[in-house]
Amino acid sequence: MSINDSGSDGADRRSHPRYSDRSPVYVGDGALARRCRLVDVSSGGARIFVGRGADLAPHVILVDPRTGLSHRAAVVWRSEIEAGVRFLEEGVRYRVMTCTGDLGWNTGRESYRQAS
């Protein structure tokens, strides 16, 4: 998998739609964790801003500081400042909603991620 998941025709080849999400997240290997920021998320994985010089193990644990829920993931690509991860659990605990109408109330956000 590469950073650019579109073909030469520009069509998106991802199997899960991604939604913008700028939430904080802790990324670690079970012993040490660093505070990072989600860039986008889907039911299959996420793109994370990790910053320059951040070392990541091939398998990481993402922890949502708001809920305390953790998610095992495999790092599938890495750039100088970002990483792409694939969630390892079946039915990841994040339910991605395409609009605030899915919530039944208006949050004023274009996309929303809810722990389930």
PDB file of N, CA and C in Angstrom:
ATOM      1  N   MET A   1       0.860  -1.174   0.000  1.00  0.00           N
ATOM      2  CA  MET A   1       0.000   0.000   0.000  1.00  0.00           C
ATOM      3  C   MET A   1       0.899   1.228   0.000  1.00  0.00           C
ATOM      4  N   SER A   2       0.493   2.234  -0.673  1.00  0.00           N
ATOM      5  CA  SER A   2       1.256   3.471  -0.726  1.00  0.00           C
ATOM      6  C   SER A   2       0.435   4.603  -0.145  1.00  0.00           C
ATOM      7  N   ILE A   3       1.100   5.750  -0.013  1.00  0.00           N
ATOM      8  CA  ILE A   3       0.397   6.927   0.486  1.00  0.00           C
ATOM      9  C   ILE A   3      -0.719   7.310  -0.466  1.00  0.00           C
ATOM     10  N   ASN A   4      -0.463   7.194  -1.756  1.00  0.00           N
ATOM     11  CA  ASN A   4      -1.461   7.528  -2.757  1.00  0.00           C
ATOM     12  C   ASN A   4      -2.202   6.257  -3.136  1.00  0.00           C
ATOM     13  N   ASP A   5      -3.434   6.129  -2.696  1.00  0.00           N
ATOM     14  CA  ASP A   5      -4.212   4.925  -2.968  1.00  0.00           C
ATOM     15  C   ASP A   5      -5.117   5.067  -4.179  1.00  0.00           C
ATOM     16  N   SER A   6      -4.800   5.984  -5.071  1.00  0.00           N
ATOM     17  CA  SER A   6      -5.608   6.130  -6.274  1.00  0.00           C
ATOM     18  C   SER A   6      -4.808   5.630  -7.469  1.00  0.00           C
ATOM     19  N   GLY A   7      -5.525   5.151  -8.454  1.00  0.00           N
ATOM     20  CA  GLY A   7      -4.899   4.662  -9.659  1.00  0.00           C
ATOM     21  C   GLY A   7      -4.525   5.799 -10.594  1.00  0.00           C
ATOM     22  N   SER A   8      -3.975   5.454 -11.751  1.00  0.00           N
ATOM     23  CA  SER A   8      -3.573   6.470 -12.719  1.00  0.00           C
ATOM     24  C   SER A   8      -4.766   7.254 -13.243  1.00  0.00           C
ATOM     25  N   ASP A   9      -5.970   6.681 -13.125  1.00  0.00           N
ATOM     26  CA  ASP A   9      -7.168   7.393 -13.566  1.00  0.00           C
ATOM     27  C   ASP A   9      -7.716   8.316 -12.479  1.00  0.00           C
ATOM     28  N   GLY A  10      -7.071   8.325 -11.282  1.00  0.00           N
ATOM     29  CA  GLY A  10      -7.500   9.201 -10.195  1.00  0.00           C
ATOM     30  C   GLY A  10      -8.575   8.616  -9.303  1.00  0.00           C
ATOM     31  N   ALA A  11      -9.059   7.411  -9.621  1.00  0.00           N
ATOM     32  CA  ALA A  11     -10.117   6.791  -8.813  1.00  0.00           C
ATOM     33  C   ALA A  11      -9.549   6.289  -7.487  1.00  0.00           C
ATOM     34  N   ASP A  12     -10.277   6.478  -6.425  1.00  0.00           N
ATOM     35  CA  ASP A  12      -9.868   6.036  -5.097  1.00  0.00           C
ATOM     36  C   ASP A  12      -9.980   4.520  -5.010  1.00  0.00           C
ATOM     37  N   ARG A  13      -8.906   3.845  -4.626  1.00  0.00           N
ATOM     38  CA  ARG A  13      -8.862   2.381  -4.563  1.00  0.00           C
ATOM     39  C   ARG A  13      -9.055   1.847  -3.139  1.00  0.00           C
ATOM     40  N   ARG A  14      -9.298   2.694  -2.178  1.00  0.00           N
ATOM     41  CA  ARG A  14      -9.450   2.236  -0.799  1.00  0.00           C
ATOM     42  C   ARG A  14     -10.713   1.396  -0.650  1.00  0.00           C
ATOM     43  N   SER A  15     -10.636   0.398   0.231  1.00  0.00           N
ATOM     44  CA  SER A  15     -11.811  -0.446   0.460  1.00  0.00           C
ATOM     45  C   SER A  15     -12.761   0.157   1.484  1.00  0.00           C
ATOM     46  N   HIS A  16     -12.302   1.156   2.260  1.00  0.00           N
ATOM     47  CA  HIS A  16     -13.139   1.822   3.258  1.00  0.00           C
ATOM     48  C   HIS A  16     -13.053   3.332   3.051  1.00  0.00           C
ATOM     49  N   PRO A  17     -14.169   4.041   3.006  1.00  0.00           N
ATOM     50  CA  PRO A  17     -14.105   5.500   2.888  1.00  0.00           C
ATOM     51  C   PRO A  17     -13.474   6.111   4.135  1.00  0.00           C
ATOM     52  N   ARG A  18     -12.705   7.173   3.927  1.00  0.00           N
ATOM     53  CA  ARG A  18     -12.037   7.858   5.039  1.00  0.00           C
ATOM     54  C   ARG A  18     -12.706   9.182   5.310  1.00  0.00           C
ATOM     55  N   TYR A  19     -12.660   9.567   6.587  1.00  0.00           N
ATOM     56  CA  TYR A  19     -13.267  10.816   7.030  1.00  0.00           C
ATOM     57  C   TYR A  19     -12.248  11.608   7.832  1.00  0.00           C
ATOM     58  N   SER A  20     -12.234  12.896   7.604  1.00  0.00           N
ATOM     59  CA  SER A  20     -11.328  13.789   8.313  1.00  0.00           C
ATOM     60  C   SER A  20     -11.603  13.730   9.811  1.00  0.00           C
ATOM     61  N   ASP A  21     -10.531  13.672  10.584  1.00  0.00           N
ATOM     62  CA  ASP A  21     -10.667  13.620  12.040  1.00  0.00           C
ATOM     63  C   ASP A  21      -9.364  14.126  12.636  1.00  0.00           C
ATOM     64  N   ARG A  22      -9.398  15.226  13.318  1.00  0.00           N
ATOM     65  CA  ARG A  22      -8.194  15.847  13.881  1.00  0.00           C
ATOM     66  C   ARG A  22      -8.050  15.585  15.380  1.00  0.00           C
ATOM     67  N   SER A  23      -8.598  14.495  15.866  1.00  0.00           N
ATOM     68  CA  SER A  23      -8.576  14.182  17.294  1.00  0.00           C
ATOM     69  C   SER A  23      -7.190  13.741  17.750  1.00  0.00           C
ATOM     70  N   PRO A  24      -6.854  14.001  19.010  1.00  0.00           N
ATOM     71  CA  PRO A  24      -5.602  13.476  19.560  1.00  0.00           C
ATOM     72  C   PRO A  24      -5.706  11.964  19.751  1.00  0.00           C
ATOM     73  N   VAL A  25      -4.574  11.292  19.673  1.00  0.00           N
ATOM     74  CA  VAL A  25      -4.517   9.852  19.892  1.00  0.00           C
ATOM     75  C   VAL A  25      -3.120   9.525  20.418  1.00  0.00           C
ATOM     76  N   TYR A  26      -3.032   8.580  21.329  1.00  0.00           N
ATOM     77  CA  TYR A  26      -1.734   8.099  21.793  1.00  0.00           C
ATOM     78  C   TYR A  26      -1.386   6.859  20.996  1.00  0.00           C
ATOM     79  N   VAL A  27      -0.127   6.797  20.516  1.00  0.00           N
ATOM     80  CA  VAL A  27       0.344   5.678  19.710  1.00  0.00           C
ATOM     81  C   VAL A  27       1.561   5.096  20.412  1.00  0.00           C
ATOM     82  N   GLY A  28       1.530   3.798  20.660  1.00  0.00           N
ATOM     83  CA  GLY A  28       2.652   3.183  21.352  1.00  0.00           C
ATOM     84  C   GLY A  28       2.770   1.710  21.064  1.00  0.00           C
ATOM     85  N   ASP A  29       3.756   1.106  21.737  1.00  0.00           N
ATOM     86  CA  ASP A  29       4.024  -0.318  21.542  1.00  0.00           C
ATOM     87  C   ASP A  29       3.648  -1.155  22.759  1.00  0.00           C
ATOM     88  N   GLY A  30       2.944  -0.582  23.701  1.00  0.00           N
ATOM     89  CA  GLY A  30       2.573  -1.278  24.922  1.00  0.00           C
ATOM     90  C   GLY A  30       3.422  -0.871  26.105  1.00  0.00           C
ATOM     91  N   ALA A  31       4.630  -0.336  25.846  1.00  0.00           N
ATOM     92  CA  ALA A  31       5.507   0.130  26.918  1.00  0.00           C
ATOM     93  C   ALA A  31       5.598   1.651  26.916  1.00  0.00           C
ATOM     94  N   LEU A  32       5.810   2.228  25.748  1.00  0.00           N
ATOM     95  CA  LEU A  32       5.916   3.677  25.592  1.00  0.00           C
ATOM     96  C   LEU A  32       4.874   4.152  24.599  1.00  0.00           C
ATOM     97  N   ALA A  33       4.363   5.349  24.824  1.00  0.00           N
ATOM     98  CA  ALA A  33       3.383   5.931  23.895  1.00  0.00           C
ATOM     99  C   ALA A  33       3.703   7.399  23.690  1.00  0.00           C
ATOM    100  N   ARG A  34       3.352   7.912  22.526  1.00  0.00           N
ATOM    101  CA  ARG A  34       3.528   9.334  22.239  1.00  0.00           C
ATOM    102  C   ARG A  34       2.199   9.904  21.781  1.00  0.00           C
ATOM    103  N   ARG A  35       1.990  11.169  22.107  1.00  0.00           N
ATOM    104  CA  ARG A  35       0.759  11.840  21.694  1.00  0.00           C
ATOM    105  C   ARG A  35       0.897  12.217  20.221  1.00  0.00           C
ATOM    106  N   CYS A  36      -0.084  11.825  19.441  1.00  0.00           N
ATOM    107  CA  CYS A  36      -0.118  12.110  18.009  1.00  0.00           C
ATOM    108  C   CYS A  36      -1.482  12.709  17.689  1.00  0.00           C
ATOM    109  N   ARG A  37      -1.758  12.860  16.394  1.00  0.00           N
ATOM    110  CA  ARG A  37      -3.048  13.407  15.975  1.00  0.00           C
ATOM    111  C   ARG A  37      -3.541  12.622  14.772  1.00  0.00           C
ATOM    112  N   LEU A  38      -4.809  12.224  14.826  1.00  0.00           N
ATOM    113  CA  LEU A  38      -5.418  11.590  13.660  1.00  0.00           C
ATOM    114  C   LEU A  38      -5.516  12.612  12.538  1.00  0.00           C
ATOM    115  N   VAL A  39      -5.349  12.163  11.316  1.00  0.00           N
ATOM    116  CA  VAL A  39      -5.565  13.001  10.132  1.00  0.00           C
ATOM    117  C   VAL A  39      -6.881  12.598   9.491  1.00  0.00           C
ATOM    118  N   ASP A  40      -7.048  11.300   9.284  1.00  0.00           N
ATOM    119  CA  ASP A  40      -8.324  10.763   8.821  1.00  0.00           C
ATOM    120  C   ASP A  40      -8.453   9.336   9.326  1.00  0.00           C
ATOM    121  N   VAL A  41      -9.678   8.841   9.306  1.00  0.00           N
ATOM    122  CA  VAL A  41      -9.949   7.523   9.865  1.00  0.00           C
ATOM    123  C   VAL A  41     -11.041   6.839   9.051  1.00  0.00           C
ATOM    124  N   SER A  42     -10.972   5.512   9.000  1.00  0.00           N
ATOM    125  CA  SER A  42     -12.017   4.709   8.365  1.00  0.00           C
ATOM    126  C   SER A  42     -12.257   3.498   9.249  1.00  0.00           C
ATOM    127  N   SER A  43     -13.169   2.650   8.863  1.00  0.00           N
ATOM    128  CA  SER A  43     -13.394   1.444   9.648  1.00  0.00           C
ATOM    129  C   SER A  43     -12.247   0.451   9.498  1.00  0.00           C
ATOM    130  N   GLY A  44     -11.376   0.657   8.509  1.00  0.00           N
ATOM    131  CA  GLY A  44     -10.259  -0.257   8.299  1.00  0.00           C
ATOM    132  C   GLY A  44      -8.910   0.241   8.756  1.00  0.00           C
ATOM    133  N   GLY A  45      -8.782   1.553   8.998  1.00  0.00           N
ATOM    134  CA  GLY A  45      -7.482   2.088   9.384  1.00  0.00           C
ATOM    135  C   GLY A  45      -7.513   3.586   9.571  1.00  0.00           C
ATOM    136  N   ALA A  46      -6.320   4.162   9.674  1.00  0.00           N
ATOM    137  CA  ALA A  46      -6.224   5.598   9.914  1.00  0.00           C
ATOM    138  C   ALA A  46      -4.900   6.134   9.397  1.00  0.00           C
ATOM    139  N   ARG A  47      -4.882   7.429   9.141  1.00  0.00           N
ATOM    140  CA  ARG A  47      -3.648   8.158   8.852  1.00  0.00           C
ATOM    141  C   ARG A  47      -3.381   9.028  10.067  1.00  0.00           C
ATOM    142  N   ILE A  48      -2.150   8.988  10.568  1.00  0.00           N
ATOM    143  CA  ILE A  48      -1.806   9.654  11.814  1.00  0.00           C
ATOM    144  C   ILE A  48      -0.620  10.577  11.596  1.00  0.00           C
ATOM    145  N   PHE A  49      -0.714  11.802  12.126  1.00  0.00           N
ATOM    146  CA  PHE A  49       0.423  12.713  12.159  1.00  0.00           C
ATOM    147  C   PHE A  49       1.245  12.334  13.382  1.00  0.00           C
ATOM    148  N   VAL A  50       2.484  11.875  13.159  1.00  0.00           N
ATOM    149  CA  VAL A  50       3.331  11.437  14.267  1.00  0.00           C
ATOM    150  C   VAL A  50       4.479  12.394  14.543  1.00  0.00           C
ATOM    151  N   GLY A  51       4.806  13.264  13.591  1.00  0.00           N
ATOM    152  CA  GLY A  51       5.912  14.200  13.769  1.00  0.00           C
ATOM    153  C   GLY A  51       7.230  13.625  13.280  1.00  0.00           C
ATOM    154  N   ARG A  52       8.200  14.494  13.136  1.00  0.00           N
ATOM    155  CA  ARG A  52       9.518  14.088  12.639  1.00  0.00           C
ATOM    156  C   ARG A  52      10.261  13.247  13.673  1.00  0.00           C
ATOM    157  N   GLY A  53      10.975  12.253  13.174  1.00  0.00           N
ATOM    158  CA  GLY A  53      11.847  11.453  14.020  1.00  0.00           C
ATOM    159  C   GLY A  53      11.158  10.468  14.939  1.00  0.00           C
ATOM    160  N   ALA A  54       9.875  10.285  14.788  1.00  0.00           N
ATOM    161  CA  ALA A  54       9.145   9.356  15.658  1.00  0.00           C
ATOM    162  C   ALA A  54       9.395   7.921  15.205  1.00  0.00           C
ATOM    163  N   ASP A  55       9.840   7.095  16.113  1.00  0.00           N
ATOM    164  CA  ASP A  55      10.010   5.673  15.824  1.00  0.00           C
ATOM    165  C   ASP A  55       8.709   4.949  16.132  1.00  0.00           C
ATOM    166  N   LEU A  56       8.294   4.107  15.205  1.00  0.00           N
ATOM    167  CA  LEU A  56       7.093   3.305  15.418  1.00  0.00           C
ATOM    168  C   LEU A  56       7.434   1.843  15.200  1.00  0.00           C
ATOM    169  N   ALA A  57       6.926   0.997  16.073  1.00  0.00           N
ATOM    170  CA  ALA A  57       7.067  -0.444  15.897  1.00  0.00           C
ATOM    171  C   ALA A  57       6.157  -0.883  14.751  1.00  0.00           C
ATOM    172  N   PRO A  58       6.387  -2.052  14.169  1.00  0.00           N
ATOM    173  CA  PRO A  58       5.515  -2.534  13.088  1.00  0.00           C
ATOM    174  C   PRO A  58       4.061  -2.714  13.520  1.00  0.00           C
ATOM    175  N   HIS A  59       3.854  -3.035  14.788  1.00  0.00           N
ATOM    176  CA  HIS A  59       2.506  -3.151  15.352  1.00  0.00           C
ATOM    177  C   HIS A  59       2.404  -2.182  16.517  1.00  0.00           C
ATOM    178  N   VAL A  60       1.333  -1.402  16.534  1.00  0.00           N
ATOM    179  CA  VAL A  60       1.162  -0.373  17.557  1.00  0.00           C
ATOM    180  C   VAL A  60      -0.212  -0.500  18.204  1.00  0.00           C
ATOM    181  N   ILE A  61      -0.363   0.219  19.293  1.00  0.00           N
ATOM    182  CA  ILE A  61      -1.649   0.335  19.970  1.00  0.00           C
ATOM    183  C   ILE A  61      -2.040   1.802  19.941  1.00  0.00           C
ATOM    184  N   LEU A  62      -3.238   2.095  19.444  1.00  0.00           N
ATOM    185  CA  LEU A  62      -3.776   3.454  19.451  1.00  0.00           C
ATOM    186  C   LEU A  62      -4.727   3.562  20.632  1.00  0.00           C
ATOM    187  N   VAL A  63      -4.586   4.628  21.410  1.00  0.00           N
ATOM    188  CA  VAL A  63      -5.464   4.845  22.557  1.00  0.00           C
ATOM    189  C   VAL A  63      -6.152   6.186  22.393  1.00  0.00           C
ATOM    190  N   ASP A  64      -7.470   6.174  22.450  1.00  0.00           N
ATOM    191  CA  ASP A  64      -8.266   7.398  22.399  1.00  0.00           C
ATOM    192  C   ASP A  64      -8.273   7.989  23.807  1.00  0.00           C
ATOM    193  N   PRO A  65      -7.656   9.176  24.019  1.00  0.00           N
ATOM    194  CA  PRO A  65      -7.590   9.731  25.371  1.00  0.00           C
ATOM    195  C   PRO A  65      -8.946  10.146  25.932  1.00  0.00           C
ATOM    196  N   ARG A  66      -9.925  10.357  25.056  1.00  0.00           N
ATOM    197  CA  ARG A  66     -11.257  10.752  25.535  1.00  0.00           C
ATOM    198  C   ARG A  66     -12.040   9.583  26.096  1.00  0.00           C
ATOM    199  N   THR A  67     -11.868   8.409  25.497  1.00  0.00           N
ATOM    200  CA  THR A  67     -12.651   7.243  25.918  1.00  0.00           C
ATOM    201  C   THR A  67     -11.822   6.194  26.641  1.00  0.00           C
ATOM    202  N   GLY A  68     -10.494   6.212  26.425  1.00  0.00           N
ATOM    203  CA  GLY A  68      -9.630   5.193  26.996  1.00  0.00           C
ATOM    204  C   GLY A  68      -9.623   3.894  26.212  1.00  0.00           C
ATOM    205  N   LEU A  69     -10.384   3.821  25.115  1.00  0.00           N
ATOM    206  CA  LEU A  69     -10.419   2.611  24.295  1.00  0.00           C
ATOM    207  C   LEU A  69      -9.115   2.463  23.529  1.00  0.00           C
ATOM    208  N   SER A  70      -8.647   1.231  23.396  1.00  0.00           N
ATOM    209  CA  SER A  70      -7.414   0.972  22.659  1.00  0.00           C
ATOM    210  C   SER A  70      -7.713   0.121  21.432  1.00  0.00           C
ATOM    211  N   HIS A  71      -6.842   0.259  20.436  1.00  0.00           N
ATOM    212  CA  HIS A  71      -7.031  -0.405  19.149  1.00  0.00           C
ATOM    213  C   HIS A  71      -5.677  -0.901  18.660  1.00  0.00           C
ATOM    214  N   ARG A  72      -5.559  -2.193  18.409  1.00  0.00           N
ATOM    215  CA  ARG A  72      -4.327  -2.744  17.848  1.00  0.00           C
ATOM    216  C   ARG A  72      -4.297  -2.451  16.354  1.00  0.00           C
ATOM    217  N   ALA A  73      -3.107  -2.080  15.846  1.00  0.00           N
ATOM    218  CA  ALA A  73      -2.985  -1.725  14.433  1.00  0.00           C
ATOM    219  C   ALA A  73      -1.600  -2.099  13.914  1.00  0.00           C
ATOM    220  N   ALA A  74      -1.527  -2.310  12.607  1.00  0.00           N
ATOM    221  CA  ALA A  74      -0.259  -2.561  11.925  1.00  0.00           C
ATOM    222  C   ALA A  74       0.097  -1.328  11.113  1.00  0.00           C
ATOM    223  N   VAL A  75       1.347  -0.896  11.198  1.00  0.00           N
ATOM    224  CA  VAL A  75       1.816   0.230  10.390  1.00  0.00           C
ATOM    225  C   VAL A  75       2.032  -0.297   8.973  1.00  0.00           C
ATOM    226  N   VAL A  76       1.349   0.297   7.994  1.00  0.00           N
ATOM    227  CA  VAL A  76       1.434  -0.187   6.613  1.00  0.00           C
ATOM    228  C   VAL A  76       2.193   0.763   5.703  1.00  0.00           C
ATOM    229  N   TRP A  77       2.370   2.008   6.106  1.00  0.00           N
ATOM    230  CA  TRP A  77       3.234   2.931   5.379  1.00  0.00           C
ATOM    231  C   TRP A  77       3.691   4.018   6.333  1.00  0.00           C
ATOM    232  N   ARG A  78       4.772   4.675   5.938  1.00  0.00           N
ATOM    233  CA  ARG A  78       5.337   5.715   6.790  1.00  0.00           C
ATOM    234  C   ARG A  78       5.983   6.778   5.915  1.00  0.00           C
ATOM    235  N   SER A  79       5.723   8.049   6.214  1.00  0.00           N
ATOM    236  CA  SER A  79       6.434   9.160   5.594  1.00  0.00           C
ATOM    237  C   SER A  79       7.257   9.824   6.692  1.00  0.00           C
ATOM    238  N   GLU A  80       7.856  10.941   6.388  1.00  0.00           N
ATOM    239  CA  GLU A  80       8.682  11.640   7.373  1.00  0.00           C
ATOM    240  C   GLU A  80       7.876  12.084   8.592  1.00  0.00           C
ATOM    241  N   ILE A  81       6.596  12.445   8.392  1.00  0.00           N
ATOM    242  CA  ILE A  81       5.807  12.994   9.503  1.00  0.00           C
ATOM    243  C   ILE A  81       4.482  12.272   9.756  1.00  0.00           C
ATOM    244  N   GLU A  82       4.098  11.340   8.881  1.00  0.00           N
ATOM    245  CA  GLU A  82       2.816  10.648   9.027  1.00  0.00           C
ATOM    246  C   GLU A  82       3.005   9.141   8.921  1.00  0.00           C
ATOM    247  N   ALA A  83       1.984   8.420   9.363  1.00  0.00           N
ATOM    248  CA  ALA A  83       1.970   6.962   9.226  1.00  0.00           C
ATOM    249  C   ALA A  83       0.555   6.514   8.908  1.00  0.00           C
ATOM    250  N   GLY A  84       0.463   5.439   8.150  1.00  0.00           N
ATOM    251  CA  GLY A  84      -0.821   4.812   7.874  1.00  0.00           C
ATOM    252  C   GLY A  84      -0.898   3.504   8.630  1.00  0.00           C
ATOM    253  N   VAL A  85      -2.020   3.273   9.301  1.00  0.00           N
ATOM    254  CA  VAL A  85      -2.186   2.030  10.054  1.00  0.00           C
ATOM    255  C   VAL A  85      -3.448   1.310   9.613  1.00  0.00           C
ATOM    256  N   ARG A  86      -3.400  -0.013   9.719  1.00  0.00           N
ATOM    257  CA  ARG A  86      -4.557  -0.864   9.442  1.00  0.00           C
ATOM    258  C   ARG A  86      -4.987  -1.471  10.768  1.00  0.00           C
ATOM    259  N   PHE A  87      -6.255  -1.315  11.114  1.00  0.00           N
ATOM    260  CA  PHE A  87      -6.760  -1.884  12.358  1.00  0.00           C
ATOM    261  C   PHE A  87      -6.743  -3.406  12.274  1.00  0.00           C
ATOM    262  N   LEU A  88      -6.323  -4.065  13.340  1.00  0.00           N
ATOM    263  CA  LEU A  88      -6.211  -5.521  13.353  1.00  0.00           C
ATOM    264  C   LEU A  88      -7.446  -6.218  13.892  1.00  0.00           C
ATOM    265  N   GLU A  89      -8.254  -5.522  14.674  1.00  0.00           N
ATOM    266  CA  GLU A  89      -9.452  -6.135  15.228  1.00  0.00           C
ATOM    267  C   GLU A  89     -10.537  -6.231  14.166  1.00  0.00           C
ATOM    268  N   GLU A  90     -11.323  -7.269  14.264  1.00  0.00           N
ATOM    269  CA  GLU A  90     -12.531  -7.349  13.455  1.00  0.00           C
ATOM    270  C   GLU A  90     -13.530  -6.372  14.049  1.00  0.00           C
ATOM    271  N   GLY A  91     -14.185  -5.597  13.230  1.00  0.00           N
ATOM    272  CA  GLY A  91     -15.177  -4.647  13.721  1.00  0.00           C
ATOM    273  C   GLY A  91     -14.567  -3.648  14.679  1.00  0.00           C
ATOM    274  N   VAL A  92     -13.611  -2.871  14.198  1.00  0.00           N
ATOM    275  CA  VAL A  92     -12.929  -1.894  15.052  1.00  0.00           C
ATOM    276  C   VAL A  92     -13.935  -1.082  15.851  1.00  0.00           C
ATOM    277  N   ARG A  93     -13.552  -0.647  17.018  1.00  0.00           N
ATOM    278  CA  ARG A  93     -14.484   0.011  17.930  1.00  0.00           C
ATOM    279  C   ARG A  93     -14.859   1.420  17.511  1.00  0.00           C
ATOM    280  N   TYR A  94     -14.270   1.918  16.451  1.00  0.00           N
ATOM    281  CA  TYR A  94     -14.675   3.235  15.961  1.00  0.00           C
ATOM    282  C   TYR A  94     -15.763   3.058  14.923  1.00  0.00           C
ATOM    283  N   ARG A  95     -16.869   3.711  15.115  1.00  0.00           N
ATOM    284  CA  ARG A  95     -17.927   3.723  14.104  1.00  0.00           C
ATOM    285  C   ARG A  95     -17.829   5.069  13.419  1.00  0.00           C
ATOM    286  N   VAL A  96     -17.528   5.057  12.139  1.00  0.00           N
ATOM    287  CA  VAL A  96     -17.363   6.298  11.404  1.00  0.00           C
ATOM    288  C   VAL A  96     -18.709   6.708  10.844  1.00  0.00           C
ATOM    289  N   MET A  97     -19.085   7.929  11.104  1.00  0.00           N
ATOM    290  CA  MET A  97     -20.364   8.453  10.630  1.00  0.00           C
ATOM    291  C   MET A  97     -20.099   9.502   9.564  1.00  0.00           C
ATOM    292  N   THR A  98     -20.843   9.435   8.489  1.00  0.00           N
ATOM    293  CA  THR A  98     -20.604  10.340   7.377  1.00  0.00           C
ATOM    294  C   THR A  98     -21.212  11.706   7.583  1.00  0.00           C
ATOM    295  N   CYS A  99     -22.171  11.819   8.465  1.00  0.00           N
ATOM    296  CA  CYS A  99     -22.764  13.133   8.710  1.00  0.00           C
ATOM    297  C   CYS A  99     -23.328  13.180  10.118  1.00  0.00           C
ATOM    298  N   THR A 100     -23.511  14.378  10.621  1.00  0.00           N
ATOM    299  CA  THR A 100     -24.028  14.527  11.975  1.00  0.00           C
ATOM    300  C   THR A 100     -25.475  14.079  12.069  1.00  0.00           C
ATOM    301  N   GLY A 101     -26.167  13.959  10.957  1.00  0.00           N
ATOM    302  CA  GLY A 101     -27.536  13.462  10.966  1.00  0.00           C
ATOM    303  C   GLY A 101     -27.612  12.028  11.469  1.00  0.00           C
ATOM    304  N   ASP A 102     -26.504  11.254  11.307  1.00  0.00           N
ATOM    305  CA  ASP A 102     -26.467   9.892  11.824  1.00  0.00           C
ATOM    306  C   ASP A 102     -26.546   9.856  13.342  1.00  0.00           C
ATOM    307  N   LEU A 103     -26.185  10.959  13.987  1.00  0.00           N
ATOM    308  CA  LEU A 103     -26.174  11.020  15.444  1.00  0.00           C
ATOM    309  C   LEU A 103     -27.532  11.356  16.028  1.00  0.00           C
ATOM    310  N   GLY A 104     -28.361  12.028  15.249  1.00  0.00           N
ATOM    311  CA  GLY A 104     -29.638  12.481  15.757  1.00  0.00           C
ATOM    312  C   GLY A 104     -29.559  13.839  16.413  1.00  0.00           C
ATOM    313  N   TRP A 105     -28.379  14.460  16.370  1.00  0.00           N
ATOM    314  CA  TRP A 105     -28.226  15.813  16.899  1.00  0.00           C
ATOM    315  C   TRP A 105     -27.120  16.497  16.122  1.00  0.00           C
ATOM    316  N   ASN A 106     -27.073  17.790  16.166  1.00  0.00           N
ATOM    317  CA  ASN A 106     -26.141  18.572  15.358  1.00  0.00           C
ATOM    318  C   ASN A 106     -24.917  18.945  16.177  1.00  0.00           C
ATOM    319  N   THR A 107     -23.742  18.495  15.726  1.00  0.00           N
ATOM    320  CA  THR A 107     -22.499  18.838  16.408  1.00  0.00           C
ATOM    321  C   THR A 107     -21.759  19.955  15.697  1.00  0.00           C
ATOM    322  N   GLY A 108     -22.172  20.276  14.477  1.00  0.00           N
ATOM    323  CA  GLY A 108     -21.466  21.295  13.713  1.00  0.00           C
ATOM    324  C   GLY A 108     -20.190  20.783  13.072  1.00  0.00           C
ATOM    325  N   ARG A 109     -19.974  19.470  13.080  1.00  0.00           N
ATOM    326  CA  ARG A 109     -18.784  18.892  12.460  1.00  0.00           C
ATOM    327  C   ARG A 109     -19.192  18.149  11.195  1.00  0.00           C
ATOM    328  N   GLU A 110     -18.280  18.098  10.227  1.00  0.00           N
ATOM    329  CA  GLU A 110     -18.578  17.412   8.970  1.00  0.00           C
ATOM    330  C   GLU A 110     -18.524  15.896   9.124  1.00  0.00           C
ATOM    331  N   SER A 111     -17.647  15.399   9.942  1.00  0.00           N
ATOM    332  CA  SER A 111     -17.596  13.964  10.200  1.00  0.00           C
ATOM    333  C   SER A 111     -17.395  13.767  11.694  1.00  0.00           C
ATOM    334  N   TYR A 112     -17.719  12.588  12.157  1.00  0.00           N
ATOM    335  CA  TYR A 112     -17.676  12.333  13.585  1.00  0.00           C
ATOM    336  C   TYR A 112     -17.300  10.889  13.812  1.00  0.00           C
ATOM    337  N   ARG A 113     -16.539  10.662  14.834  1.00  0.00           N
ATOM    338  CA  ARG A 113     -16.069   9.334  15.173  1.00  0.00           C
ATOM    339  C   ARG A 113     -16.582   9.029  16.572  1.00  0.00           C
ATOM    340  N   GLN A 114     -17.216   7.908  16.750  1.00  0.00           N
ATOM    341  CA  GLN A 114     -17.801   7.576  18.044  1.00  0.00           C
ATOM    342  C   GLN A 114     -17.322   6.207  18.487  1.00  0.00           C
ATOM    343  N   ALA A 115     -16.909   6.110  19.720  1.00  0.00           N
ATOM    344  CA  ALA A 115     -16.528   4.805  20.259  1.00  0.00           C
ATOM    345  C   ALA A 115     -17.781   3.976  20.443  1.00  0.00           C
ATOM    346  N   SER A 116     -17.676   2.704  20.129  1.00  0.00           N
ATOM    347  CA  SER A 116     -18.832   1.825  20.299  1.00  0.00           C
ATOM    348  C   SER A 116     -18.438   0.565  21.031  1.00  0.00           C
TER     349      SER A 116
END
